Amino acid sequence: MRRERLQKRIGRVESVVAGMRKMLEGTGLPGRQAVSHWAAALRTLSLQTSFRERTLEQYLPFMLHNRFIFESENIRAAYSLISEKDKDRVPWEPERIDWESYWLSNQIQGIERWVQPEAVREWAFKI
């Protein structure tokens, strides 16, 4: 809902800018270059919003719409076999994972770093 409103607002502003551009071209008044920059910036914003919306739609089922229970008995059994010295080197306490922080700091940043650049490689501009 929020994303749809944003896309509609961007579309309305794009229409206004397109009208201004057409008027300036017809009258020969100054300002065409500035309006062209605005139009390009709005187009970029629209594409960014669309890309992020699609990415979120793909990831939301994994982050929000399901409740996952992870079972880790095998790794617990393996961890119990290593020496105390190695346990100090590799502290492993899955109960202490802050999942919200993990998703925001790791998963989302990973998407921005690895998935997004790959998806937009052929685009003529950068997000």
C-alpha atoms as a PDB file:
ATOM      1  CA  MET A   1       0.000   0.000   0.000  1.00  0.00           C
ATOM      2  CA  ARG A   2       2.721   2.449   0.991  1.00  0.00           C
ATOM      3  CA  ARG A   3       4.822   1.492  -2.019  1.00  0.00           C
ATOM      4  CA  GLU A   4       1.848   1.917  -4.351  1.00  0.00           C
ATOM      5  CA  ARG A   5       1.255   5.420  -2.987  1.00  0.00           C
ATOM      6  CA  LEU A   6       4.911   6.277  -3.526  1.00  0.00           C
ATOM      7  CA  GLN A   7       4.793   5.023  -7.125  1.00  0.00           C
ATOM      8  CA  LYS A   8       1.626   7.072  -7.756  1.00  0.00           C
ATOM      9  CA  ARG A   9       3.249  10.187  -6.319  1.00  0.00           C
ATOM     10  CA  ILE A  10       6.345   9.686  -8.426  1.00  0.00           C
ATOM     11  CA  GLY A  11       4.112   9.208 -11.484  1.00  0.00           C
ATOM     12  CA  ARG A  12       2.206  12.425 -10.777  1.00  0.00           C
ATOM     13  CA  VAL A  13       5.416  14.412 -10.365  1.00  0.00           C
ATOM     14  CA  GLU A  14       6.802  12.838 -13.555  1.00  0.00           C
ATOM     15  CA  SER A  15       3.663  14.014 -15.383  1.00  0.00           C
ATOM     16  CA  VAL A  16       4.075  17.550 -14.049  1.00  0.00           C
ATOM     17  CA  VAL A  17       7.752  17.623 -15.018  1.00  0.00           C
ATOM     18  CA  ALA A  18       6.940  16.244 -18.486  1.00  0.00           C
ATOM     19  CA  GLY A  19       4.351  18.998 -18.913  1.00  0.00           C
ATOM     20  CA  MET A  20       6.847  21.637 -17.808  1.00  0.00           C
ATOM     21  CA  ARG A  21       9.429  20.247 -20.200  1.00  0.00           C
ATOM     22  CA  LYS A  22       6.994  20.322 -23.113  1.00  0.00           C
ATOM     23  CA  MET A  23       5.917  23.871 -22.268  1.00  0.00           C
ATOM     24  CA  LEU A  24       9.517  25.088 -22.027  1.00  0.00           C
ATOM     25  CA  GLU A  25      10.407  23.463 -25.347  1.00  0.00           C
ATOM     26  CA  GLY A  26       7.420  25.117 -27.002  1.00  0.00           C
ATOM     27  CA  THR A  27       8.071  28.587 -25.617  1.00  0.00           C
ATOM     28  CA  GLY A  28      11.860  28.648 -25.749  1.00  0.00           C
ATOM     29  CA  LEU A  29      12.074  29.795 -22.126  1.00  0.00           C
ATOM     30  CA  PRO A  30      15.166  28.892 -20.095  1.00  0.00           C
ATOM     31  CA  GLY A  31      15.087  25.966 -17.686  1.00  0.00           C
ATOM     32  CA  ARG A  32      14.861  23.015 -20.052  1.00  0.00           C
ATOM     33  CA  GLN A  33      18.145  21.562 -18.805  1.00  0.00           C
ATOM     34  CA  ALA A  34      17.058  21.696 -15.153  1.00  0.00           C
ATOM     35  CA  VAL A  35      13.733  20.075 -16.000  1.00  0.00           C
ATOM     36  CA  SER A  36      15.552  17.367 -17.964  1.00  0.00           C
ATOM     37  CA  HIS A  37      17.683  16.643 -14.888  1.00  0.00           C
ATOM     38  CA  TRP A  38      14.540  16.437 -12.744  1.00  0.00           C
ATOM     39  CA  ALA A  39      12.958  14.032 -15.217  1.00  0.00           C
ATOM     40  CA  ALA A  40      16.052  11.809 -15.198  1.00  0.00           C
ATOM     41  CA  ALA A  41      16.198  11.852 -11.392  1.00  0.00           C
ATOM     42  CA  LEU A  42      12.521  10.914 -11.155  1.00  0.00           C
ATOM     43  CA  ARG A  43      12.994   8.083 -13.644  1.00  0.00           C
ATOM     44  CA  THR A  44      15.922   6.778 -11.583  1.00  0.00           C
ATOM     45  CA  LEU A  45      13.878   7.041  -8.382  1.00  0.00           C
ATOM     46  CA  SER A  46      10.998   5.176 -10.003  1.00  0.00           C
ATOM     47  CA  LEU A  47      13.284   2.362 -11.181  1.00  0.00           C
ATOM     48  CA  GLN A  48      14.973   2.159  -7.771  1.00  0.00           C
ATOM     49  CA  THR A  49      11.624   1.938  -6.028  1.00  0.00           C
ATOM     50  CA  SER A  50      10.399  -0.711  -8.436  1.00  0.00           C
ATOM     51  CA  PHE A  51      13.558  -2.782  -8.036  1.00  0.00           C
ATOM     52  CA  ARG A  52      13.468  -2.593  -4.247  1.00  0.00           C
ATOM     53  CA  GLU A  53       9.778  -3.483  -4.237  1.00  0.00           C
ATOM     54  CA  ARG A  54      10.402  -6.602  -6.327  1.00  0.00           C
ATOM     55  CA  THR A  55      13.364  -7.603  -4.166  1.00  0.00           C
ATOM     56  CA  LEU A  56      11.318  -7.239  -0.988  1.00  0.00           C
ATOM     57  CA  GLU A  57       8.458  -9.234  -2.488  1.00  0.00           C
ATOM     58  CA  GLN A  58      10.888 -12.068  -3.179  1.00  0.00           C
ATOM     59  CA  TYR A  59      12.392 -12.014   0.312  1.00  0.00           C
ATOM     60  CA  LEU A  60       9.342 -11.242   2.471  1.00  0.00           C
ATOM     61  CA  PRO A  61       8.145 -14.861   2.581  1.00  0.00           C
ATOM     62  CA  PHE A  62      11.474 -15.798   4.132  1.00  0.00           C
ATOM     63  CA  MET A  63      11.605 -12.867   6.536  1.00  0.00           C
ATOM     64  CA  LEU A  64       8.042 -12.093   7.545  1.00  0.00           C
ATOM     65  CA  HIS A  65       5.256 -14.383   6.394  1.00  0.00           C
ATOM     66  CA  ASN A  66       6.526 -17.645   7.854  1.00  0.00           C
ATOM     67  CA  ARG A  67       7.643 -18.799  11.246  1.00  0.00           C
ATOM     68  CA  PHE A  68      10.674 -21.004  10.903  1.00  0.00           C
ATOM     69  CA  ILE A  69      12.049 -23.315  13.550  1.00  0.00           C
ATOM     70  CA  PHE A  70      15.638 -24.281  12.932  1.00  0.00           C
ATOM     71  CA  GLU A  71      16.891 -27.559  14.340  1.00  0.00           C
ATOM     72  CA  SER A  72      20.588 -27.737  15.090  1.00  0.00           C
ATOM     73  CA  GLU A  73      21.201 -30.977  16.980  1.00  0.00           C
ATOM     74  CA  ASN A  74      23.895 -32.189  14.574  1.00  0.00           C
ATOM     75  CA  ILE A  75      25.973 -29.041  14.889  1.00  0.00           C
ATOM     76  CA  ARG A  76      25.490 -29.083  18.673  1.00  0.00           C
ATOM     77  CA  ALA A  77      26.762 -32.658  18.792  1.00  0.00           C
ATOM     78  CA  ALA A  78      29.758 -31.769  16.626  1.00  0.00           C
ATOM     79  CA  TYR A  79      30.485 -28.660  18.704  1.00  0.00           C
ATOM     80  CA  SER A  80      30.489 -30.714  21.901  1.00  0.00           C
ATOM     81  CA  LEU A  81      33.317 -32.839  20.470  1.00  0.00           C
ATOM     82  CA  ILE A  82      35.829 -30.027  19.960  1.00  0.00           C
ATOM     83  CA  SER A  83      38.335 -28.942  22.603  1.00  0.00           C
ATOM     84  CA  GLU A  84      37.739 -26.043  24.987  1.00  0.00           C
ATOM     85  CA  LYS A  85      40.555 -24.159  23.262  1.00  0.00           C
ATOM     86  CA  ASP A  86      38.761 -24.481  19.924  1.00  0.00           C
ATOM     87  CA  LYS A  87      35.460 -23.530  21.554  1.00  0.00           C
ATOM     88  CA  ASP A  88      37.113 -20.307  22.715  1.00  0.00           C
ATOM     89  CA  ARG A  89      38.222 -19.639  19.135  1.00  0.00           C
ATOM     90  CA  VAL A  90      34.774 -20.361  17.708  1.00  0.00           C
ATOM     91  CA  PRO A  91      32.168 -19.260  20.233  1.00  0.00           C
ATOM     92  CA  TRP A  92      28.843 -20.681  19.120  1.00  0.00           C
ATOM     93  CA  GLU A  93      25.671 -19.658  20.921  1.00  0.00           C
ATOM     94  CA  PRO A  94      22.741 -19.693  18.496  1.00  0.00           C
ATOM     95  CA  GLU A  95      20.316 -18.771  21.278  1.00  0.00           C
ATOM     96  CA  ARG A  96      22.015 -15.383  21.510  1.00  0.00           C
ATOM     97  CA  ILE A  97      21.561 -14.471  17.849  1.00  0.00           C
ATOM     98  CA  ASP A  98      19.606 -11.241  17.489  1.00  0.00           C
ATOM     99  CA  TRP A  99      17.665 -12.154  14.349  1.00  0.00           C
ATOM    100  CA  GLU A 100      16.336  -8.664  13.697  1.00  0.00           C
ATOM    101  CA  SER A 101      19.863  -7.294  13.781  1.00  0.00           C
ATOM    102  CA  TYR A 102      21.056 -10.194  11.633  1.00  0.00           C
ATOM    103  CA  TRP A 103      18.463  -9.514   8.945  1.00  0.00           C
ATOM    104  CA  LEU A 104      19.083  -5.777   8.911  1.00  0.00           C
ATOM    105  CA  SER A 105      22.866  -5.859   9.219  1.00  0.00           C
ATOM    106  CA  ASN A 106      23.674  -8.957   7.186  1.00  0.00           C
ATOM    107  CA  GLN A 107      20.849 -10.097   4.948  1.00  0.00           C
ATOM    108  CA  ILE A 108      19.669  -6.700   3.701  1.00  0.00           C
ATOM    109  CA  GLN A 109      23.232  -5.413   3.299  1.00  0.00           C
ATOM    110  CA  GLY A 110      24.094  -8.626   1.466  1.00  0.00           C
ATOM    111  CA  ILE A 111      21.199  -8.080  -0.929  1.00  0.00           C
ATOM    112  CA  GLU A 112      22.339  -4.507  -1.531  1.00  0.00           C
ATOM    113  CA  ARG A 113      25.943  -5.595  -2.078  1.00  0.00           C
ATOM    114  CA  TRP A 114      25.559  -8.836  -4.053  1.00  0.00           C
ATOM    115  CA  VAL A 115      22.036  -9.273  -5.452  1.00  0.00           C
ATOM    116  CA  GLN A 116      21.173  -5.721  -6.448  1.00  0.00           C
ATOM    117  CA  PRO A 117      24.342  -5.014  -8.494  1.00  0.00           C
ATOM    118  CA  GLU A 118      23.923  -8.275 -10.388  1.00  0.00           C
ATOM    119  CA  ALA A 119      20.275  -7.545 -11.136  1.00  0.00           C
ATOM    120  CA  VAL A 120      20.970  -4.060 -12.500  1.00  0.00           C
ATOM    121  CA  ARG A 121      24.253  -4.745 -14.298  1.00  0.00           C
ATOM    122  CA  GLU A 122      22.741  -4.051 -17.731  1.00  0.00           C
ATOM    123  CA  TRP A 123      21.068  -0.798 -16.670  1.00  0.00           C
ATOM    124  CA  ALA A 124      22.452   2.444 -18.060  1.00  0.00           C
ATOM    125  CA  PHE A 125      22.586   4.057 -14.599  1.00  0.00           C
ATOM    126  CA  LYS A 126      23.546   3.019 -11.083  1.00  0.00           C
ATOM    127  CA  ILE A 127      21.164   2.705  -8.157  1.00  0.00           C
END
